[in-house]
Amino acid sequence: MQLAFTPEQQAHQQTFHAFVQAEVLPRVEAYDEAGVFPPELVSALGQAGYLGALAPTSLGGLGLDMLTFGLLNEALGQGCASARSLLTVHSMVLASLLRWGSAAQKARWLPGFVSGRLVGAFALTEPESGSDANSLATAAMPDGEGFRLTGCKKWITFGQTAGLFLLFAKLDGRTTAFLVERDTPGLTVVPIAPPAGCRASMLAELRLESCRVPAANLLGRAGAGWTYVANTALDNGRYSVAWGCVGLAQACLDATVAYTGARRQFGAFLKEHQLIQAMLTDMVANVEAARLLCCKAGYLQQTGDPGAPLATSLAKYFAARAAGQVASEAVQAHGANGFSRAYPVQRHWRDAKVMDVIEGSRQIQQMVIGRAYAGR
């Protein structure tokens, strides 16, 4: 397994962090408080090529290897979980389109995806179907040369701004994937108020009332939506979130080191007290262990190892848990200031809890990982 980043990966890493410093950090608290993701930041991510990070260079993308893609997610996660969320859901749709899309679908949508002119969103979750994603109520009925979709999707990240949805419905009782354009008649996008964490992730509810989708918008074959398309997207999403959690935890660690090195209590800097040093030790261990698990998952994904999905689940499980623990300790070390918007740790703390739920909750990952090892 690769334990050191190549010079090229290190150069990319520096570029990613420079982008976050220039484009994200100066205004992150403002748009987090407003609960609105700025369109100009979407444009900046597109112009930098980051929304086409996984697309090959032959299609105008960056063609990043999986470890470098992970470093991009870490950098964005260190700056803003909502910005990383955009990269996550957009890349989930992009990866699915690259792998399962027809030549016509790729020609139609990939240029917009790679440039960032077209944002994608992943529409699987429903009001009564979250972790049990196979029990969808949204139905697709054949209708001439296409299908009519009826149902509801909820908690769709960047649903308010996406132009194309990778949406799942039951067709003859089998989960099937469709590419649904925003302006499709019968589709209504209803904004959801900003939640406690990832406040600028532009959540929406999608209401489909006899929403007619042409047959050409079927992604993959009928009935293969869960086994193939959804799993491709979710594996990519878990990987992205895991690296984002590493970035979030690193940001909390950095903020805590800076704060405890500047604030004095009982005649000494906070960082000189043994209990604070013990706290920092646990934070460092969590960050480093989470990063190593993410590196392993990225290496296995890049080499096509069959163990990559399980390694990705483990990385997501541990990194999300680590982010929650590190963020909580960061708030604790900041005392009352930890709850103030004048310090970033309160935002990271709120965002960290979201990471424990999305792309497979902690309990779902425990089931997946536990069953895998119990069956060996």
Protein backbone atom coordinates (compact mmCIF):
# COMPACT_ATOMS: atom_id res chain seq x y z
CA MET A 1 0.00 0.00 0.00
CA GLN A 2 1.18 3.50 -0.83
CA LEU A 3 2.12 5.29 2.42
CA ALA A 4 3.69 8.44 0.96
CA PHE A 5 2.19 10.79 -1.59
CA THR A 6 4.04 11.24 -4.86
CA PRO A 7 5.49 14.66 -5.77
CA GLU A 8 2.59 15.14 -8.21
CA GLN A 9 0.04 14.33 -5.51
CA GLN A 10 1.77 16.70 -3.10
CA ALA A 11 1.65 19.46 -5.73
CA HIS A 12 -2.06 18.86 -6.22
CA GLN A 13 -2.54 18.94 -2.45
CA GLN A 14 -0.91 22.35 -2.22
CA THR A 15 -3.09 23.63 -5.05
CA PHE A 16 -6.24 22.32 -3.38
CA HIS A 17 -5.42 24.01 -0.08
CA ALA A 18 -4.55 27.27 -1.85
CA PHE A 19 -7.98 27.19 -3.52
CA VAL A 20 -9.71 26.65 -0.17
CA GLN A 21 -7.73 29.49 1.42
CA ALA A 22 -8.63 31.88 -1.40
CA GLU A 23 -12.16 30.88 -2.35
CA VAL A 24 -13.79 29.14 0.63
CA LEU A 25 -12.47 30.30 4.00
CA PRO A 26 -12.96 34.06 3.57
CA ARG A 27 -16.76 33.74 3.46
CA VAL A 28 -17.62 30.28 4.77
CA GLU A 29 -19.15 31.51 8.03
CA ALA A 30 -21.38 33.96 6.17
CA TYR A 31 -22.91 31.43 3.80
CA ASP A 32 -23.13 28.80 6.52
CA GLU A 33 -25.17 31.24 8.62
CA ALA A 34 -27.33 32.23 5.65
CA GLY A 35 -27.82 28.62 4.63
CA VAL A 36 -27.21 29.44 0.97
CA PHE A 37 -24.32 28.17 -1.13
CA PRO A 38 -22.95 31.01 -3.30
CA PRO A 39 -23.30 30.41 -7.07
CA GLU A 40 -19.92 32.05 -7.63
CA LEU A 41 -18.26 29.32 -5.57
CA VAL A 42 -19.93 26.67 -7.73
CA SER A 43 -18.47 28.49 -10.74
CA ALA A 44 -15.03 28.66 -9.10
CA LEU A 45 -15.09 24.91 -8.39
CA GLY A 46 -16.04 24.30 -12.00
CA GLN A 47 -13.41 26.63 -13.43
CA ALA A 48 -10.75 24.94 -11.29
CA GLY A 49 -11.78 21.62 -12.82
CA TYR A 50 -12.75 20.11 -9.48
CA LEU A 51 -16.30 19.22 -10.51
CA GLY A 52 -14.78 17.18 -13.30
CA ALA A 53 -12.06 15.70 -11.10
CA LEU A 54 -12.96 12.07 -11.87
CA ALA A 55 -13.49 12.50 -15.60
CA PRO A 56 -10.57 11.51 -17.85
CA THR A 57 -8.52 14.23 -19.47
CA SER A 58 -9.76 13.05 -22.88
CA LEU A 59 -13.20 14.31 -21.84
CA GLY A 60 -11.91 17.57 -20.41
CA GLY A 61 -11.67 16.38 -16.80
CA LEU A 62 -8.72 16.36 -14.44
CA GLY A 63 -8.40 12.58 -14.54
CA LEU A 64 -7.34 12.42 -10.89
CA ASP A 65 -6.33 9.11 -9.38
CA MET A 66 -8.39 8.07 -6.36
CA LEU A 67 -5.81 9.13 -3.77
CA THR A 68 -5.53 12.59 -5.30
CA PHE A 69 -9.32 12.80 -5.47
CA GLY A 70 -9.30 11.96 -1.76
CA LEU A 71 -6.89 14.81 -1.08
CA LEU A 72 -9.26 17.18 -2.88
CA ASN A 73 -12.10 16.05 -0.63
CA GLU A 74 -9.90 16.44 2.44
CA ALA A 75 -8.98 20.00 1.49
CA LEU A 76 -12.58 20.99 0.85
CA GLY A 77 -13.70 19.22 4.02
CA GLN A 78 -11.12 21.17 5.98
CA GLY A 79 -12.61 24.40 4.67
CA CYS A 80 -16.33 23.71 4.47
CA ALA A 81 -18.41 20.54 4.68
CA SER A 82 -21.09 22.04 2.43
CA ALA A 83 -18.54 22.65 -0.34
CA ARG A 84 -17.32 19.09 0.04
CA SER A 85 -20.96 17.92 -0.11
CA LEU A 86 -21.31 19.54 -3.53
CA LEU A 87 -18.25 17.69 -4.79
CA THR A 88 -19.59 14.45 -3.27
CA VAL A 89 -23.04 14.36 -4.83
CA HIS A 90 -21.88 15.79 -8.14
CA SER A 91 -19.11 13.20 -8.37
CA MET A 92 -21.54 10.40 -7.44
CA VAL A 93 -23.62 11.22 -10.50
CA LEU A 94 -20.54 11.80 -12.65
CA ALA A 95 -19.01 8.44 -11.69
CA SER A 96 -22.29 6.67 -12.45
CA LEU A 97 -22.62 8.39 -15.80
CA LEU A 98 -19.03 7.54 -16.71
CA ARG A 99 -19.47 3.87 -15.84
CA TRP A 100 -23.06 3.12 -16.83
CA GLY A 101 -24.04 5.86 -19.26
CA SER A 102 -24.65 5.23 -22.94
CA ALA A 103 -22.59 7.04 -25.58
CA ALA A 104 -25.53 9.37 -26.21
CA GLN A 105 -25.96 10.14 -22.49
CA LYS A 106 -22.28 10.87 -22.07
CA ALA A 107 -22.23 13.13 -25.13
CA ARG A 108 -25.28 15.00 -23.87
CA TRP A 109 -24.38 15.58 -20.22
CA LEU A 110 -20.68 15.01 -19.57
CA PRO A 111 -19.46 18.33 -21.04
CA GLY A 112 -21.68 20.27 -18.63
CA PHE A 113 -20.73 18.04 -15.72
CA VAL A 114 -17.01 18.35 -16.33
CA SER A 115 -17.12 22.13 -16.73
CA GLY A 116 -19.43 22.66 -13.76
CA ARG A 117 -22.11 24.34 -15.87
CA LEU A 118 -24.39 21.45 -14.93
CA VAL A 119 -24.61 20.26 -11.32
CA GLY A 120 -25.78 16.75 -10.51
CA ALA A 121 -27.64 15.49 -7.44
CA PHE A 122 -28.27 11.98 -6.13
CA ALA A 123 -31.95 11.27 -5.46
CA LEU A 124 -32.43 8.02 -3.56
CA THR A 125 -33.74 8.89 -0.08
CA GLU A 126 -37.51 9.16 0.47
CA PRO A 127 -39.62 10.35 3.42
CA GLU A 128 -40.16 6.73 4.51
CA SER A 129 -37.06 5.17 2.97
CA GLY A 130 -33.65 6.13 4.32
CA SER A 131 -31.25 3.38 5.34
CA ASP A 132 -33.63 0.79 3.87
CA ALA A 133 -33.08 2.26 0.44
CA ASN A 134 -34.36 -0.83 -1.35
CA SER A 135 -37.91 -0.24 -0.12
CA LEU A 136 -38.62 2.67 -2.45
CA ALA A 137 -42.16 3.93 -2.91
CA THR A 138 -41.40 6.03 -5.99
CA ALA A 139 -42.81 4.12 -8.97
CA ALA A 140 -42.02 4.15 -12.67
CA MET A 141 -44.67 3.07 -15.16
CA PRO A 142 -44.00 2.39 -18.85
CA ASP A 143 -45.59 5.07 -21.02
CA GLY A 144 -45.07 4.78 -24.75
CA GLU A 145 -41.44 5.54 -25.52
CA GLY A 146 -40.68 6.42 -21.94
CA PHE A 147 -41.80 6.23 -18.33
CA ARG A 148 -43.95 8.16 -15.88
CA LEU A 149 -42.51 8.61 -12.41
CA THR A 150 -44.64 9.23 -9.35
CA GLY A 151 -43.37 9.63 -5.80
CA CYS A 152 -41.29 11.82 -3.51
CA LYS A 153 -37.60 12.18 -2.69
CA LYS A 154 -36.34 13.99 0.39
CA TRP A 155 -33.11 15.37 1.85
CA ILE A 156 -31.59 15.70 -1.62
CA THR A 157 -28.25 17.48 -1.25
CA PHE A 158 -27.98 20.44 -3.65
CA GLY A 159 -31.44 19.57 -4.91
CA GLN A 160 -32.25 23.28 -4.95
CA THR A 161 -29.64 24.01 -7.62
CA ALA A 162 -28.96 20.75 -9.47
CA GLY A 163 -29.81 20.58 -13.15
CA LEU A 164 -29.79 16.79 -13.40
CA PHE A 165 -30.90 14.19 -10.87
CA LEU A 166 -29.81 10.57 -10.69
CA LEU A 167 -33.13 9.30 -9.41
CA PHE A 168 -34.21 5.81 -8.39
CA ALA A 169 -37.67 4.29 -8.72
CA LYS A 170 -39.30 0.87 -8.76
CA LEU A 171 -40.10 -0.41 -12.25
CA ASP A 172 -42.04 -3.69 -12.17
CA GLY A 173 -40.88 -4.06 -8.57
CA ARG A 174 -37.19 -3.64 -9.41
CA THR A 175 -35.04 -0.63 -8.52
CA THR A 176 -34.16 1.27 -11.68
CA ALA A 177 -32.05 4.40 -12.25
CA PHE A 178 -33.20 7.39 -14.28
CA LEU A 179 -31.58 10.66 -15.29
CA VAL A 180 -34.19 13.33 -14.66
CA GLU A 181 -33.66 16.89 -15.83
CA ARG A 182 -34.74 19.71 -13.57
CA ASP A 183 -37.20 21.22 -16.03
CA THR A 184 -39.02 17.93 -16.67
CA PRO A 185 -42.81 18.49 -16.48
CA GLY A 186 -44.25 16.87 -13.38
CA LEU A 187 -41.13 17.46 -11.27
CA THR A 188 -41.43 20.03 -8.49
CA VAL A 189 -38.41 21.01 -6.41
CA VAL A 190 -39.31 22.19 -2.90
CA PRO A 191 -36.51 23.77 -0.82
CA ILE A 192 -35.90 22.41 2.69
CA ALA A 193 -34.90 24.87 5.41
CA PRO A 194 -31.19 24.80 6.32
CA PRO A 195 -30.49 22.04 8.87
CA ALA A 196 -28.24 22.27 11.92
CA GLY A 197 -25.17 20.98 10.07
CA CYS A 198 -23.99 21.46 6.48
CA ARG A 199 -26.35 24.39 6.42
CA ALA A 200 -25.39 25.52 2.91
CA SER A 201 -25.95 22.14 1.25
CA MET A 202 -29.16 23.40 -0.41
CA LEU A 203 -31.41 20.49 0.56
CA ALA A 204 -34.61 19.90 -1.34
CA GLU A 205 -37.61 17.63 -1.65
CA LEU A 206 -38.47 16.34 -5.11
CA ARG A 207 -42.14 15.74 -5.86
CA LEU A 208 -42.92 13.70 -8.95
CA GLU A 209 -46.45 13.65 -10.31
CA SER A 210 -46.67 11.66 -13.55
CA CYS A 211 -43.25 13.00 -14.39
CA ARG A 212 -42.54 11.77 -17.90
CA VAL A 213 -38.97 10.66 -18.56
CA PRO A 214 -37.92 9.45 -22.04
CA ALA A 215 -36.55 5.94 -22.44
CA ALA A 216 -33.21 7.48 -23.43
CA ASN A 217 -32.85 8.70 -19.83
CA LEU A 218 -32.78 5.21 -18.34
CA LEU A 219 -29.29 4.74 -16.84
CA GLY A 220 -28.10 1.18 -17.24
CA ARG A 221 -30.71 -1.50 -17.74
CA ALA A 222 -34.07 -1.81 -16.05
CA GLY A 223 -33.81 -3.45 -12.63
CA ALA A 224 -30.08 -2.80 -12.25
CA GLY A 225 -30.48 0.45 -10.38
CA TRP A 226 -29.53 -0.85 -6.95
CA THR A 227 -26.99 -3.60 -7.57
CA TYR A 228 -24.97 -1.63 -10.10
CA VAL A 229 -25.77 2.08 -10.42
CA ALA A 230 -26.59 2.95 -6.80
CA ASN A 231 -23.70 0.94 -5.40
CA THR A 232 -21.27 2.65 -7.79
CA ALA A 233 -22.49 6.04 -6.64
CA LEU A 234 -22.69 5.20 -2.94
CA ASP A 235 -19.20 3.69 -2.87
CA ASN A 236 -17.88 6.90 -4.41
CA GLY A 237 -19.92 8.96 -1.97
CA ARG A 238 -18.66 7.09 1.09
CA TYR A 239 -15.09 7.56 -0.09
CA SER A 240 -15.62 11.29 -0.61
CA VAL A 241 -17.28 11.74 2.80
CA ALA A 242 -14.55 9.73 4.56
CA TRP A 243 -11.82 12.01 3.22
CA GLY A 244 -13.96 15.04 3.97
CA CYS A 245 -14.16 13.85 7.59
CA VAL A 246 -10.37 13.71 7.72
CA GLY A 247 -10.26 17.32 6.57
CA LEU A 248 -12.90 18.36 9.10
CA ALA A 249 -11.03 16.63 11.92
CA GLN A 250 -7.74 18.19 10.81
CA ALA A 251 -9.35 21.64 10.85
CA CYS A 252 -10.55 21.04 14.41
CA LEU A 253 -7.12 19.88 15.49
CA ASP A 254 -5.42 22.89 13.90
CA ALA A 255 -7.92 25.29 15.49
CA THR A 256 -7.42 23.69 18.89
CA VAL A 257 -3.63 23.85 18.70
CA ALA A 258 -3.84 27.53 17.75
CA TYR A 259 -6.38 28.38 20.46
CA THR A 260 -4.68 26.52 23.29
CA GLY A 261 -1.37 28.05 22.28
CA ALA A 262 -2.77 31.57 22.56
CA ARG A 263 -5.00 31.40 25.64
CA ARG A 264 -3.58 31.39 29.17
CA GLN A 265 -5.23 29.89 32.23
CA PHE A 266 -3.74 29.37 35.71
CA GLY A 267 -0.54 31.11 34.68
CA ALA A 268 0.24 28.97 31.64
CA PHE A 269 -0.91 28.46 28.06
CA LEU A 270 -3.69 25.91 27.82
CA LYS A 271 -1.53 23.63 25.68
CA GLU A 272 0.95 23.36 28.55
CA HIS A 273 -1.61 21.69 30.82
CA GLN A 274 -1.38 17.90 30.84
CA LEU A 275 -5.12 17.32 30.36
CA ILE A 276 -5.09 19.48 27.22
CA GLN A 277 -2.05 17.58 25.97
CA ALA A 278 -3.91 14.31 26.53
CA MET A 279 -6.83 15.73 24.56
CA LEU A 280 -4.55 16.77 21.71
CA THR A 281 -2.98 13.31 21.67
CA ASP A 282 -6.34 11.64 21.15
CA MET A 283 -7.20 14.14 18.41
CA VAL A 284 -3.93 13.54 16.56
CA ALA A 285 -4.35 9.77 16.78
CA ASN A 286 -7.89 9.96 15.40
CA VAL A 287 -6.86 12.18 12.49
CA GLU A 288 -3.83 10.09 11.55
CA ALA A 289 -5.68 6.76 11.80
CA ALA A 290 -8.60 8.05 9.74
CA ARG A 291 -6.25 9.35 7.05
CA LEU A 292 -4.45 6.00 6.83
CA LEU A 293 -7.73 4.11 6.44
CA CYS A 294 -8.73 6.52 3.67
CA CYS A 295 -5.36 6.02 1.97
CA LYS A 296 -5.85 2.26 2.07
CA ALA A 297 -9.35 2.56 0.59
CA GLY A 298 -8.04 4.86 -2.14
CA TYR A 299 -5.18 2.53 -3.00
CA LEU A 300 -7.52 -0.47 -3.25
CA GLN A 301 -9.96 1.49 -5.38
CA GLN A 302 -7.21 2.68 -7.69
CA THR A 303 -5.85 -0.85 -8.16
CA GLY A 304 -9.31 -2.38 -8.64
CA ASP A 305 -8.95 -4.63 -5.61
CA PRO A 306 -12.19 -6.52 -4.77
CA GLY A 307 -11.72 -5.53 -1.13
CA ALA A 308 -12.11 -1.83 -1.96
CA PRO A 309 -15.84 -1.48 -1.08
CA LEU A 310 -15.34 -2.96 2.39
CA ALA A 311 -12.23 -0.85 2.97
CA THR A 312 -14.21 2.21 1.92
CA SER A 313 -17.01 1.39 4.36
CA LEU A 314 -14.46 0.98 7.14
CA ALA A 315 -12.80 4.27 6.24
CA LYS A 316 -16.14 6.07 6.22
CA TYR A 317 -17.21 4.51 9.52
CA PHE A 318 -14.01 5.35 11.37
CA ALA A 319 -13.42 8.77 9.80
CA ALA A 320 -16.95 9.94 10.58
CA ARG A 321 -16.67 8.70 14.15
CA ALA A 322 -13.25 10.31 14.49
CA ALA A 323 -14.52 13.62 13.12
CA GLY A 324 -17.30 13.64 15.70
CA GLN A 325 -14.91 12.92 18.55
CA VAL A 326 -12.29 15.43 17.44
CA ALA A 327 -14.90 18.16 16.85
CA SER A 328 -16.40 17.56 20.28
CA GLU A 329 -12.99 17.81 21.94
CA ALA A 330 -12.26 20.97 19.97
CA VAL A 331 -15.39 22.64 21.30
CA GLN A 332 -14.51 21.45 24.80
CA ALA A 333 -11.01 22.92 24.57
CA HIS A 334 -12.44 26.26 23.43
CA GLY A 335 -14.80 26.43 26.41
CA ALA A 336 -17.66 28.91 25.96
CA ASN A 337 -15.90 30.27 22.86
CA GLY A 338 -16.44 26.89 21.24
CA PHE A 339 -20.11 27.78 20.78
CA SER A 340 -19.42 31.19 19.28
CA ARG A 341 -19.56 31.88 15.54
CA ALA A 342 -16.34 33.80 16.05
CA TYR A 343 -14.60 30.40 16.10
CA PRO A 344 -14.97 27.71 13.39
CA VAL A 345 -15.15 24.71 15.71
CA GLN A 346 -18.88 25.21 16.37
CA ARG A 347 -19.53 24.82 12.62
CA HIS A 348 -17.30 21.76 12.38
CA TRP A 349 -19.05 20.24 15.41
CA ARG A 350 -22.47 20.64 13.77
CA ASP A 351 -21.20 19.36 10.43
CA ALA A 352 -19.48 16.35 12.01
CA LYS A 353 -22.78 14.95 13.24
CA VAL A 354 -24.13 15.02 9.70
CA MET A 355 -21.16 12.91 8.57
CA ASP A 356 -22.21 10.21 11.03
CA VAL A 357 -25.55 9.87 9.21
CA ILE A 358 -25.04 10.45 5.48
CA GLU A 359 -23.86 7.92 2.87
CA GLY A 360 -24.68 5.05 5.20
CA SER A 361 -25.11 5.79 8.89
CA ARG A 362 -22.73 4.51 11.54
CA GLN A 363 -25.09 1.64 12.30
CA ILE A 364 -25.39 0.65 8.64
CA GLN A 365 -21.61 0.59 8.29
CA GLN A 366 -21.37 -1.54 11.43
CA MET A 367 -23.80 -4.02 9.86
CA VAL A 368 -21.87 -4.11 6.58
CA ILE A 369 -18.45 -4.44 8.20
CA GLY A 370 -19.56 -6.80 10.98
CA ARG A 371 -21.32 -9.17 8.60
CA ALA A 372 -18.36 -9.21 6.26
CA TYR A 373 -15.93 -10.23 8.99
CA ALA A 374 -18.36 -12.56 10.72
CA GLY A 375 -18.76 -14.46 7.47
CA ARG A 376 -15.04 -15.09 7.01
